[in-house]
């Protein structure tokens, strides 16, 4: 199977899918035997999404995409770890997705916990604390705000950009970006509205 979409075309598909979702015109619904038979031969997703495990943020629904269209990696706080990087590398080398998206979301519990740990040194179970340590470096530039909602908004965006930076700095990502074979974008899903807010214009 060959992926014929460019990164720009893949991004446009996501934008249009989120628009259909917002307008109540989603096409992602019925079981289709013909599609299932085709997918049994392999997959060629047009985008790789690194998103949060939050149950309210399902990329297939948010972007109104069908089976086989998105390669999705979900972990609390959309953090980057060696295991996550392995999945991203697999998507780049074997699935050849042209587009990579880091998708954060408003009110992210992992980001909130990381802020709480930074400001108040709150105790967390050991594995949660380890997860938060992967987030806090990206929040260093987030100044405490009198408005907690604005602070969270800035922190969620900073966390998305931190994950993007870690991906972008890998040798494979630098090579593919130089060759024009990869586009990396960041976005924040607004749970209250269903809208995906892109951190740069698509």
N, C-alpha and C. Protein backbone atom coordinates (compact mmCIF):
# COMPACT_ATOMS: atom_id res chain seq x y z
N UNK A 1 0.84 -1.19 0.00
CA UNK A 1 0.00 0.00 0.00
C UNK A 1 0.89 1.25 0.00
N UNK A 2 0.50 2.25 -0.75
CA UNK A 2 1.29 3.47 -0.87
C UNK A 2 0.50 4.66 -0.37
N UNK A 3 1.16 5.52 0.42
CA UNK A 3 0.52 6.72 0.92
C UNK A 3 0.72 7.82 -0.10
N UNK A 4 -0.37 8.28 -0.70
CA UNK A 4 -0.27 9.26 -1.78
C UNK A 4 -0.48 10.69 -1.31
N UNK A 5 -0.82 10.89 -0.04
CA UNK A 5 -1.07 12.24 0.45
C UNK A 5 0.23 12.93 0.87
N UNK A 6 0.30 14.21 0.60
CA UNK A 6 1.41 15.01 1.13
C UNK A 6 1.05 15.40 2.56
N UNK A 7 2.02 15.96 3.29
CA UNK A 7 1.75 16.40 4.66
C UNK A 7 0.68 17.49 4.68
N UNK A 8 0.74 18.40 3.73
CA UNK A 8 -0.26 19.48 3.67
C UNK A 8 -1.66 18.93 3.41
N UNK A 9 -1.75 17.96 2.52
CA UNK A 9 -3.05 17.34 2.22
C UNK A 9 -3.56 16.56 3.43
N UNK A 10 -2.65 15.89 4.14
CA UNK A 10 -3.04 15.14 5.33
C UNK A 10 -3.58 16.08 6.40
N UNK A 11 -2.90 17.21 6.59
CA UNK A 11 -3.35 18.19 7.57
C UNK A 11 -4.71 18.75 7.20
N UNK A 12 -4.92 19.01 5.91
CA UNK A 12 -6.21 19.51 5.45
C UNK A 12 -7.33 18.50 5.72
N UNK A 13 -7.03 17.22 5.60
CA UNK A 13 -8.02 16.19 5.90
C UNK A 13 -8.42 16.25 7.37
N UNK A 14 -7.44 16.46 8.25
CA UNK A 14 -7.76 16.57 9.67
C UNK A 14 -8.61 17.81 9.95
N UNK A 15 -8.26 18.92 9.34
CA UNK A 15 -9.02 20.16 9.52
C UNK A 15 -10.47 19.97 9.06
N UNK A 16 -10.64 19.35 7.89
CA UNK A 16 -11.98 19.14 7.36
C UNK A 16 -12.76 18.13 8.21
N UNK A 17 -12.06 17.11 8.73
CA UNK A 17 -12.72 16.14 9.59
C UNK A 17 -13.22 16.77 10.87
N UNK A 18 -12.41 17.65 11.48
CA UNK A 18 -12.85 18.33 12.70
C UNK A 18 -14.02 19.25 12.40
N UNK A 19 -14.03 19.85 11.21
CA UNK A 19 -15.16 20.72 10.83
C UNK A 19 -16.45 19.89 10.71
N UNK A 20 -16.38 18.71 10.07
CA UNK A 20 -17.57 17.85 9.97
C UNK A 20 -18.05 17.44 11.36
N UNK A 21 -17.09 17.14 12.24
CA UNK A 21 -17.43 16.75 13.61
C UNK A 21 -18.18 17.88 14.31
N UNK A 22 -17.68 19.12 14.19
CA UNK A 22 -18.30 20.27 14.83
C UNK A 22 -19.68 20.56 14.26
N UNK A 23 -19.85 20.30 12.95
CA UNK A 23 -21.12 20.59 12.28
C UNK A 23 -22.13 19.45 12.42
N UNK A 24 -21.75 18.38 13.11
CA UNK A 24 -22.66 17.26 13.26
C UNK A 24 -22.85 16.45 11.99
N UNK A 25 -21.86 16.49 11.11
CA UNK A 25 -21.96 15.79 9.83
C UNK A 25 -20.91 14.68 9.71
N UNK A 26 -20.50 14.14 10.86
CA UNK A 26 -19.45 13.12 10.85
C UNK A 26 -19.87 11.90 10.04
N UNK A 27 -18.91 11.39 9.29
CA UNK A 27 -19.16 10.21 8.45
C UNK A 27 -18.62 8.94 9.10
N UNK A 28 -17.92 9.10 10.23
CA UNK A 28 -17.27 7.98 10.90
C UNK A 28 -18.31 7.21 11.70
N UNK A 29 -18.93 6.22 11.07
CA UNK A 29 -20.01 5.53 11.77
C UNK A 29 -20.09 4.05 11.45
N UNK A 30 -20.66 3.73 10.32
CA UNK A 30 -21.10 2.36 10.06
C UNK A 30 -19.95 1.38 9.77
N UNK A 31 -20.16 0.13 10.17
CA UNK A 31 -19.26 -0.97 9.85
C UNK A 31 -19.36 -1.27 8.36
N UNK A 32 -18.22 -1.42 7.71
CA UNK A 32 -18.22 -1.66 6.26
C UNK A 32 -17.35 -2.89 5.96
N UNK A 33 -17.96 -4.00 5.56
CA UNK A 33 -17.18 -5.22 5.28
C UNK A 33 -16.10 -5.02 4.23
N UNK A 34 -16.39 -4.18 3.21
CA UNK A 34 -15.40 -3.95 2.15
C UNK A 34 -14.15 -3.27 2.71
N UNK A 35 -14.36 -2.29 3.60
CA UNK A 35 -13.23 -1.60 4.23
C UNK A 35 -12.42 -2.56 5.09
N UNK A 36 -13.11 -3.40 5.85
CA UNK A 36 -12.42 -4.35 6.71
C UNK A 36 -11.57 -5.31 5.90
N UNK A 37 -12.11 -5.76 4.79
CA UNK A 37 -11.36 -6.69 3.93
C UNK A 37 -10.10 -6.02 3.39
N UNK A 38 -10.22 -4.75 3.01
CA UNK A 38 -9.07 -4.02 2.47
C UNK A 38 -8.00 -3.82 3.54
N UNK A 39 -8.43 -3.52 4.76
CA UNK A 39 -7.49 -3.26 5.85
C UNK A 39 -6.75 -4.53 6.28
N UNK A 40 -7.34 -5.68 6.00
CA UNK A 40 -6.67 -6.93 6.36
C UNK A 40 -5.35 -7.09 5.62
N UNK A 41 -5.20 -6.39 4.49
CA UNK A 41 -3.98 -6.47 3.69
C UNK A 41 -2.87 -5.56 4.21
N UNK A 42 -3.20 -4.64 5.10
CA UNK A 42 -2.19 -3.73 5.63
C UNK A 42 -2.78 -2.37 5.93
N UNK A 43 -1.94 -1.50 6.49
CA UNK A 43 -2.39 -0.15 6.83
C UNK A 43 -1.48 0.89 6.21
N UNK A 44 -2.06 2.03 5.87
CA UNK A 44 -1.29 3.16 5.37
C UNK A 44 -1.93 4.45 5.88
N UNK A 45 -1.85 4.70 7.18
CA UNK A 45 -2.46 5.91 7.74
C UNK A 45 -1.81 7.17 7.17
N UNK A 46 -2.61 8.22 7.03
CA UNK A 46 -2.06 9.46 6.46
C UNK A 46 -1.49 10.39 7.53
N UNK A 47 -1.74 10.09 8.82
CA UNK A 47 -1.20 10.93 9.89
C UNK A 47 -0.95 10.09 11.13
N UNK A 48 0.06 10.50 11.89
CA UNK A 48 0.35 9.92 13.20
C UNK A 48 0.00 10.96 14.25
N UNK A 49 -0.81 10.55 15.23
CA UNK A 49 -1.26 11.47 16.27
C UNK A 49 -0.71 11.01 17.62
N UNK A 50 0.05 11.88 18.29
CA UNK A 50 0.44 11.64 19.68
C UNK A 50 -0.50 12.45 20.55
N UNK A 51 -1.39 11.76 21.28
CA UNK A 51 -2.39 12.46 22.08
C UNK A 51 -2.43 11.95 23.50
N UNK A 52 -3.31 12.54 24.29
CA UNK A 52 -3.47 12.18 25.69
C UNK A 52 -4.43 11.00 25.83
N UNK A 53 -4.29 10.26 26.91
CA UNK A 53 -5.17 9.12 27.18
C UNK A 53 -6.55 9.53 27.64
N UNK A 54 -6.78 10.81 27.89
CA UNK A 54 -8.06 11.29 28.38
C UNK A 54 -9.21 10.71 27.57
N UNK A 55 -10.20 10.15 28.25
CA UNK A 55 -11.30 9.44 27.58
C UNK A 55 -12.17 10.36 26.73
N UNK A 56 -12.04 11.68 26.93
CA UNK A 56 -12.86 12.62 26.16
C UNK A 56 -12.20 13.05 24.86
N UNK A 57 -10.98 12.59 24.63
CA UNK A 57 -10.22 13.04 23.46
C UNK A 57 -9.88 11.82 22.59
N UNK A 58 -10.76 11.50 21.67
CA UNK A 58 -10.57 10.36 20.77
C UNK A 58 -10.30 10.88 19.37
N UNK A 59 -9.04 10.83 18.90
CA UNK A 59 -8.71 11.43 17.61
C UNK A 59 -9.55 10.93 16.45
N UNK A 60 -9.91 9.64 16.42
CA UNK A 60 -10.71 9.12 15.31
C UNK A 60 -12.04 9.85 15.21
N UNK A 61 -12.61 10.20 16.37
CA UNK A 61 -13.90 10.89 16.38
C UNK A 61 -13.71 12.38 16.15
N UNK A 62 -12.75 12.97 16.86
CA UNK A 62 -12.49 14.41 16.75
C UNK A 62 -12.17 14.82 15.31
N UNK A 63 -11.43 13.96 14.60
CA UNK A 63 -11.05 14.26 13.21
C UNK A 63 -11.93 13.52 12.20
N UNK A 64 -12.98 12.86 12.70
CA UNK A 64 -13.91 12.14 11.83
C UNK A 64 -13.15 11.28 10.82
N UNK A 65 -12.30 10.43 11.33
CA UNK A 65 -11.48 9.57 10.48
C UNK A 65 -11.88 8.11 10.67
N UNK A 66 -11.71 7.32 9.62
CA UNK A 66 -12.09 5.93 9.67
C UNK A 66 -10.95 5.01 10.06
N UNK A 67 -11.26 3.72 10.14
CA UNK A 67 -10.25 2.72 10.44
C UNK A 67 -9.14 2.77 9.40
N UNK A 68 -7.91 2.67 9.87
CA UNK A 68 -6.77 2.64 8.96
C UNK A 68 -6.27 3.99 8.51
N UNK A 69 -6.93 5.08 8.93
CA UNK A 69 -6.53 6.42 8.45
C UNK A 69 -5.56 7.14 9.38
N UNK A 70 -5.62 6.83 10.69
CA UNK A 70 -4.75 7.49 11.66
C UNK A 70 -3.98 6.46 12.47
N UNK A 71 -2.68 6.73 12.68
CA UNK A 71 -1.87 5.91 13.58
C UNK A 71 -1.81 6.68 14.88
N UNK A 72 -2.43 6.14 15.93
CA UNK A 72 -2.65 6.91 17.15
C UNK A 72 -1.84 6.34 18.32
N UNK A 73 -1.12 7.24 18.99
CA UNK A 73 -0.34 6.91 20.18
C UNK A 73 -0.92 7.75 21.31
N UNK A 74 -1.42 7.08 22.34
CA UNK A 74 -2.05 7.83 23.44
C UNK A 74 -1.37 7.50 24.77
N UNK A 75 -1.05 8.55 25.49
CA UNK A 75 -0.42 8.41 26.81
C UNK A 75 -0.76 9.66 27.60
N UNK A 76 -0.94 9.53 28.90
CA UNK A 76 -1.29 10.67 29.73
C UNK A 76 -0.32 11.83 29.51
N UNK A 77 -0.88 13.00 29.24
CA UNK A 77 -0.06 14.19 29.05
C UNK A 77 0.65 14.25 27.71
N UNK A 78 0.27 13.37 26.77
CA UNK A 78 0.95 13.28 25.47
C UNK A 78 2.47 13.44 25.61
N UNK A 79 3.03 12.70 26.58
CA UNK A 79 4.47 12.81 26.87
C UNK A 79 5.29 11.99 25.87
N UNK A 80 6.55 12.32 25.80
CA UNK A 80 7.49 11.60 24.94
C UNK A 80 8.41 10.77 25.85
N UNK A 81 8.51 9.49 25.54
CA UNK A 81 9.38 8.57 26.27
C UNK A 81 10.05 7.68 25.24
N UNK A 82 11.02 6.87 25.63
CA UNK A 82 11.63 5.96 24.65
C UNK A 82 10.62 5.07 23.94
N UNK A 83 9.62 4.59 24.69
CA UNK A 83 8.60 3.73 24.07
C UNK A 83 7.76 4.51 23.06
N UNK A 84 7.41 5.73 23.42
CA UNK A 84 6.63 6.57 22.51
C UNK A 84 7.45 6.89 21.26
N UNK A 85 8.74 7.21 21.48
CA UNK A 85 9.60 7.51 20.34
C UNK A 85 9.74 6.30 19.42
N UNK A 86 9.73 5.09 20.01
CA UNK A 86 9.78 3.89 19.19
C UNK A 86 8.57 3.78 18.29
N UNK A 87 7.40 4.11 18.82
CA UNK A 87 6.17 4.07 18.02
C UNK A 87 6.20 5.13 16.92
N UNK A 88 6.71 6.32 17.26
CA UNK A 88 6.81 7.39 16.26
C UNK A 88 7.79 7.00 15.17
N UNK A 89 8.90 6.42 15.57
CA UNK A 89 9.90 5.99 14.59
C UNK A 89 9.32 4.91 13.68
N UNK A 90 8.55 3.99 14.25
CA UNK A 90 7.89 2.96 13.44
C UNK A 90 6.96 3.60 12.41
N UNK A 91 6.19 4.58 12.85
CA UNK A 91 5.26 5.26 11.94
C UNK A 91 6.01 5.95 10.80
N UNK A 92 7.16 6.54 11.15
CA UNK A 92 7.94 7.26 10.13
C UNK A 92 8.60 6.31 9.14
N UNK A 93 9.21 5.25 9.67
CA UNK A 93 10.02 4.38 8.81
C UNK A 93 9.21 3.33 8.07
N UNK A 94 8.21 2.76 8.74
CA UNK A 94 7.48 1.64 8.14
C UNK A 94 6.13 2.04 7.54
N UNK A 95 5.45 2.98 8.20
CA UNK A 95 4.15 3.41 7.68
C UNK A 95 4.27 4.64 6.78
N UNK A 96 5.39 5.36 6.94
CA UNK A 96 5.69 6.54 6.11
C UNK A 96 4.57 7.58 6.14
N UNK A 97 4.02 7.83 7.33
CA UNK A 97 3.02 8.89 7.42
C UNK A 97 3.71 10.24 7.21
N UNK A 98 3.15 11.08 6.36
CA UNK A 98 3.81 12.37 6.08
C UNK A 98 3.57 13.41 7.16
N UNK A 99 2.53 13.20 7.97
CA UNK A 99 2.14 14.21 8.96
C UNK A 99 2.17 13.62 10.37
N UNK A 100 2.76 14.39 11.31
CA UNK A 100 2.79 14.01 12.72
C UNK A 100 2.17 15.15 13.52
N UNK A 101 1.25 14.80 14.42
CA UNK A 101 0.53 15.81 15.21
C UNK A 101 0.67 15.48 16.68
N UNK A 102 1.07 16.48 17.48
CA UNK A 102 1.00 16.36 18.93
C UNK A 102 -0.27 17.07 19.35
N UNK A 103 -1.21 16.30 19.93
CA UNK A 103 -2.53 16.82 20.27
C UNK A 103 -2.72 16.86 21.78
N UNK A 104 -2.62 18.06 22.35
CA UNK A 104 -2.94 18.25 23.75
C UNK A 104 -4.42 18.58 23.89
N UNK A 105 -4.85 18.84 25.11
CA UNK A 105 -6.25 19.22 25.29
C UNK A 105 -6.39 20.11 26.51
N UNK A 106 -7.42 20.95 26.49
CA UNK A 106 -7.64 21.87 27.59
C UNK A 106 -7.95 21.08 28.87
N UNK A 107 -7.49 21.62 29.98
CA UNK A 107 -7.75 21.00 31.27
C UNK A 107 -7.03 19.69 31.49
N UNK A 108 -5.91 19.46 30.82
CA UNK A 108 -5.20 18.17 30.93
C UNK A 108 -4.80 17.89 32.39
N UNK A 109 -5.25 16.75 32.91
CA UNK A 109 -4.97 16.41 34.30
C UNK A 109 -3.50 16.21 34.58
N UNK A 110 -2.78 15.63 33.62
CA UNK A 110 -1.35 15.40 33.82
C UNK A 110 -0.59 16.73 33.88
N UNK A 111 -0.96 17.67 33.03
CA UNK A 111 -0.32 18.99 33.04
C UNK A 111 -0.66 19.71 34.34
N UNK A 112 -1.91 19.61 34.76
CA UNK A 112 -2.33 20.25 36.02
C UNK A 112 -1.53 19.68 37.19
N UNK A 113 -1.36 18.37 37.21
CA UNK A 113 -0.60 17.73 38.29
C UNK A 113 0.87 18.16 38.26
N UNK A 114 1.42 18.32 37.05
CA UNK A 114 2.81 18.77 36.94
C UNK A 114 2.97 20.19 37.47
N UNK A 115 2.01 21.07 37.16
CA UNK A 115 2.03 22.43 37.70
C UNK A 115 1.93 22.40 39.22
N UNK A 116 1.04 21.56 39.72
CA UNK A 116 0.84 21.46 41.16
C UNK A 116 2.12 21.00 41.85
N UNK A 117 2.80 20.05 41.24
CA UNK A 117 4.05 19.56 41.80
C UNK A 117 5.13 20.64 41.77
N UNK A 118 5.16 21.41 40.68
CA UNK A 118 6.15 22.49 40.57
C UNK A 118 5.91 23.57 41.61
N UNK A 119 4.65 23.97 41.80
CA UNK A 119 4.34 25.10 42.67
C UNK A 119 4.21 24.73 44.14
N UNK A 120 3.75 23.48 44.40
CA UNK A 120 3.43 23.12 45.78
C UNK A 120 4.15 21.86 46.27
N UNK A 121 5.01 21.30 45.43
CA UNK A 121 5.76 20.08 45.79
C UNK A 121 4.86 18.97 46.32
N UNK A 122 3.73 18.79 45.65
CA UNK A 122 2.78 17.76 46.08
C UNK A 122 3.37 16.37 45.85
N UNK A 123 3.02 15.45 46.73
CA UNK A 123 3.47 14.07 46.60
C UNK A 123 2.59 13.32 45.60
N UNK A 124 3.22 12.45 44.82
CA UNK A 124 2.51 11.62 43.86
C UNK A 124 3.06 10.20 43.97
N UNK A 125 2.25 9.20 43.62
CA UNK A 125 2.79 7.84 43.53
C UNK A 125 4.00 7.81 42.60
N UNK A 126 4.92 6.90 42.82
CA UNK A 126 6.21 6.92 42.13
C UNK A 126 6.09 6.94 40.61
N UNK A 127 5.19 6.15 40.05
CA UNK A 127 5.10 6.10 38.59
C UNK A 127 4.42 7.34 38.02
N UNK A 128 3.48 7.91 38.77
CA UNK A 128 2.88 9.18 38.35
C UNK A 128 3.95 10.28 38.41
N UNK A 129 4.74 10.27 39.47
CA UNK A 129 5.82 11.26 39.61
C UNK A 129 6.80 11.16 38.45
N UNK A 130 7.10 9.93 38.02
CA UNK A 130 8.01 9.74 36.89
C UNK A 130 7.41 10.32 35.61
N UNK A 131 6.10 10.14 35.43
CA UNK A 131 5.42 10.71 34.27
C UNK A 131 5.50 12.23 34.30
N UNK A 132 5.25 12.80 35.48
CA UNK A 132 5.25 14.27 35.60
C UNK A 132 6.64 14.85 35.35
N UNK A 133 7.68 14.09 35.69
CA UNK A 133 9.05 14.59 35.44
C UNK A 133 9.33 14.74 33.96
N UNK A 134 8.59 14.04 33.11
CA UNK A 134 8.77 14.22 31.67
C UNK A 134 8.04 15.46 31.15
N UNK A 135 7.12 15.99 31.96
CA UNK A 135 6.36 17.18 31.56
C UNK A 135 6.99 18.47 32.07
N UNK A 136 7.48 18.47 33.32
CA UNK A 136 7.91 19.71 33.97
C UNK A 136 8.99 20.50 33.22
N UNK A 137 9.94 19.86 32.51
CA UNK A 137 10.91 20.70 31.80
C UNK A 137 10.27 21.63 30.77
N UNK A 138 9.19 21.20 30.19
CA UNK A 138 8.51 22.02 29.18
C UNK A 138 7.69 23.15 29.77
N UNK A 139 7.50 23.13 31.09
CA UNK A 139 6.67 24.15 31.73
C UNK A 139 7.51 25.23 32.41
N UNK A 140 8.82 25.17 32.24
CA UNK A 140 9.72 26.11 32.92
C UNK A 140 9.42 27.56 32.58
N UNK A 141 8.92 27.80 31.37
CA UNK A 141 8.66 29.18 30.94
C UNK A 141 7.27 29.67 31.33
N UNK A 142 6.45 28.80 31.93
CA UNK A 142 5.08 29.19 32.30
C UNK A 142 5.12 29.86 33.67
N UNK A 143 4.84 31.15 33.68
CA UNK A 143 4.86 31.91 34.93
C UNK A 143 3.54 31.71 35.67
N UNK A 144 3.58 31.64 36.99
CA UNK A 144 2.33 31.54 37.76
C UNK A 144 1.41 32.72 37.44
N UNK A 145 0.16 32.42 37.16
CA UNK A 145 -0.82 33.45 36.78
C UNK A 145 -1.85 33.62 37.88
N UNK A 146 -2.38 34.86 37.98
CA UNK A 146 -3.46 35.08 38.93
C UNK A 146 -4.73 34.37 38.47
N UNK A 147 -4.83 34.16 37.16
CA UNK A 147 -5.97 33.45 36.59
C UNK A 147 -5.55 32.00 36.32
N UNK A 148 -6.01 31.05 37.13
CA UNK A 148 -5.60 29.65 36.96
C UNK A 148 -5.95 29.08 35.58
N UNK A 149 -7.06 29.52 34.99
CA UNK A 149 -7.44 29.02 33.67
C UNK A 149 -6.45 29.45 32.60
N UNK A 150 -5.98 30.69 32.69
CA UNK A 150 -5.00 31.17 31.72
C UNK A 150 -3.67 30.47 31.91
N UNK A 151 -3.31 30.21 33.16
CA UNK A 151 -2.07 29.48 33.44
C UNK A 151 -2.15 28.07 32.83
N UNK A 152 -3.30 27.40 32.99
CA UNK A 152 -3.47 26.06 32.44
C UNK A 152 -3.41 26.10 30.91
N UNK A 153 -4.03 27.11 30.31
CA UNK A 153 -4.01 27.23 28.86
C UNK A 153 -2.57 27.34 28.36
N UNK A 154 -1.79 28.19 29.02
CA UNK A 154 -0.39 28.37 28.62
C UNK A 154 0.40 27.09 28.86
N UNK A 155 0.12 26.40 29.96
CA UNK A 155 0.86 25.19 30.29
C UNK A 155 0.56 24.06 29.30
N UNK A 156 -0.69 23.93 28.92
CA UNK A 156 -1.06 22.89 27.94
C UNK A 156 -0.35 23.13 26.62
N UNK A 157 -0.34 24.38 26.16
CA UNK A 157 0.36 24.71 24.91
C UNK A 157 1.86 24.46 25.06
N UNK A 158 2.42 24.86 26.19
CA UNK A 158 3.86 24.66 26.42
C UNK A 158 4.20 23.18 26.41
N UNK A 159 3.33 22.35 26.97
CA UNK A 159 3.57 20.91 26.99
C UNK A 159 3.53 20.32 25.59
N UNK A 160 2.60 20.79 24.76
CA UNK A 160 2.55 20.33 23.36
C UNK A 160 3.85 20.71 22.66
N UNK A 161 4.28 21.94 22.84
CA UNK A 161 5.50 22.40 22.17
C UNK A 161 6.73 21.63 22.69
N UNK A 162 6.73 21.27 23.96
CA UNK A 162 7.84 20.50 24.54
C UNK A 162 7.91 19.12 23.90
N UNK A 163 6.77 18.47 23.74
CA UNK A 163 6.76 17.16 23.07
C UNK A 163 7.22 17.30 21.62
N UNK A 164 6.77 18.35 20.96
CA UNK A 164 7.19 18.59 19.58
C UNK A 164 8.70 18.78 19.49
N UNK A 165 9.23 19.55 20.43
CA UNK A 165 10.68 19.82 20.42
C UNK A 165 11.47 18.52 20.56
N UNK A 166 11.02 17.64 21.47
CA UNK A 166 11.73 16.38 21.67
C UNK A 166 11.69 15.50 20.42
N UNK A 167 10.56 15.52 19.73
CA UNK A 167 10.45 14.75 18.49
C UNK A 167 11.33 15.36 17.41
N UNK A 168 11.24 16.69 17.29
CA UNK A 168 11.95 17.40 16.22
C UNK A 168 13.46 17.26 16.34
N UNK A 169 13.96 17.08 17.57
CA UNK A 169 15.40 17.04 17.78
C UNK A 169 16.02 15.66 17.56
N UNK A 170 15.21 14.66 17.24
CA UNK A 170 15.78 13.34 16.95
C UNK A 170 16.47 13.37 15.58
N UNK A 171 17.52 12.59 15.40
CA UNK A 171 18.21 12.57 14.11
C UNK A 171 17.28 12.21 12.95
N UNK A 172 16.37 11.25 13.18
CA UNK A 172 15.46 10.83 12.11
C UNK A 172 14.53 11.96 11.70
N UNK A 173 14.01 12.69 12.69
CA UNK A 173 13.10 13.79 12.37
C UNK A 173 13.82 14.91 11.62
N UNK A 174 15.05 15.22 12.07
CA UNK A 174 15.82 16.26 11.38
C UNK A 174 16.09 15.86 9.93
N UNK A 175 16.42 14.61 9.73
CA UNK A 175 16.72 14.13 8.38
C UNK A 175 15.48 14.20 7.49
N UNK A 176 14.34 13.73 8.02
CA UNK A 176 13.12 13.72 7.21
C UNK A 176 12.61 15.13 6.95
N UNK A 177 12.75 16.01 7.93
CA UNK A 177 12.32 17.39 7.74
C UNK A 177 13.16 18.07 6.66
N UNK A 178 14.47 17.80 6.68
CA UNK A 178 15.36 18.37 5.67
C UNK A 178 14.99 17.88 4.28
N UNK A 179 14.59 16.62 4.21
CA UNK A 179 14.21 16.03 2.92
C UNK A 179 12.79 16.39 2.51
N UNK A 180 12.05 17.07 3.38
CA UNK A 180 10.68 17.44 3.06
C UNK A 180 9.71 16.27 3.15
N UNK A 181 10.09 15.22 3.90
CA UNK A 181 9.25 14.02 3.99
C UNK A 181 8.42 13.96 5.27
N UNK A 182 8.49 15.02 6.07
CA UNK A 182 7.78 14.99 7.35
C UNK A 182 7.35 16.38 7.76
N UNK A 183 6.11 16.49 8.24
CA UNK A 183 5.63 17.75 8.81
C UNK A 183 5.14 17.45 10.22
N UNK A 184 5.55 18.28 11.19
CA UNK A 184 5.16 18.12 12.58
C UNK A 184 4.39 19.35 13.02
N UNK A 185 3.17 19.16 13.52
CA UNK A 185 2.36 20.29 13.96
C UNK A 185 1.80 20.01 15.35
N UNK A 186 1.46 21.08 16.06
CA UNK A 186 0.87 20.96 17.38
C UNK A 186 -0.54 21.49 17.40
N UNK A 187 -1.36 20.94 18.28
CA UNK A 187 -2.76 21.37 18.37
C UNK A 187 -3.27 21.13 19.77
N UNK A 188 -4.34 21.84 20.11
CA UNK A 188 -5.01 21.66 21.40
C UNK A 188 -6.49 21.43 21.15
N UNK A 189 -7.01 20.35 21.71
CA UNK A 189 -8.44 20.05 21.59
C UNK A 189 -9.19 20.75 22.70
N UNK A 190 -10.22 21.52 22.32
CA UNK A 190 -11.03 22.24 23.29
C UNK A 190 -12.22 21.36 23.66
N UNK A 191 -12.14 20.75 24.82
CA UNK A 191 -13.19 19.82 25.24
C UNK A 191 -14.54 20.50 25.34
N UNK A 192 -14.55 21.76 25.71
CA UNK A 192 -15.82 22.47 25.89
C UNK A 192 -16.54 22.76 24.59
N UNK A 193 -15.80 22.79 23.48
CA UNK A 193 -16.43 23.13 22.18
C UNK A 193 -16.29 22.03 21.13
N UNK A 194 -15.29 21.14 21.28
CA UNK A 194 -15.02 20.12 20.26
C UNK A 194 -14.09 20.60 19.17
N UNK A 195 -13.66 21.87 19.26
CA UNK A 195 -12.79 22.43 18.23
C UNK A 195 -11.34 22.07 18.47
N UNK A 196 -10.61 21.78 17.40
CA UNK A 196 -9.17 21.60 17.47
C UNK A 196 -8.52 22.93 17.12
N UNK A 197 -7.75 23.47 18.05
CA UNK A 197 -7.07 24.74 17.83
C UNK A 197 -5.62 24.46 17.46
N UNK A 198 -5.25 24.80 16.24
CA UNK A 198 -3.90 24.55 15.75
C UNK A 198 -2.97 25.63 16.25
N UNK A 199 -1.78 25.25 16.70
CA UNK A 199 -0.83 26.21 17.23
C UNK A 199 -0.14 27.01 16.15
N UNK A 200 -0.31 26.56 14.92
CA UNK A 200 0.11 27.36 13.76
C UNK A 200 -0.94 27.13 12.69
N UNK A 201 -1.17 28.10 11.84
CA UNK A 201 -2.24 27.98 10.85
C UNK A 201 -1.96 26.83 9.89
N UNK A 202 -2.93 25.92 9.71
CA UNK A 202 -2.73 24.81 8.77
C UNK A 202 -2.83 25.28 7.34
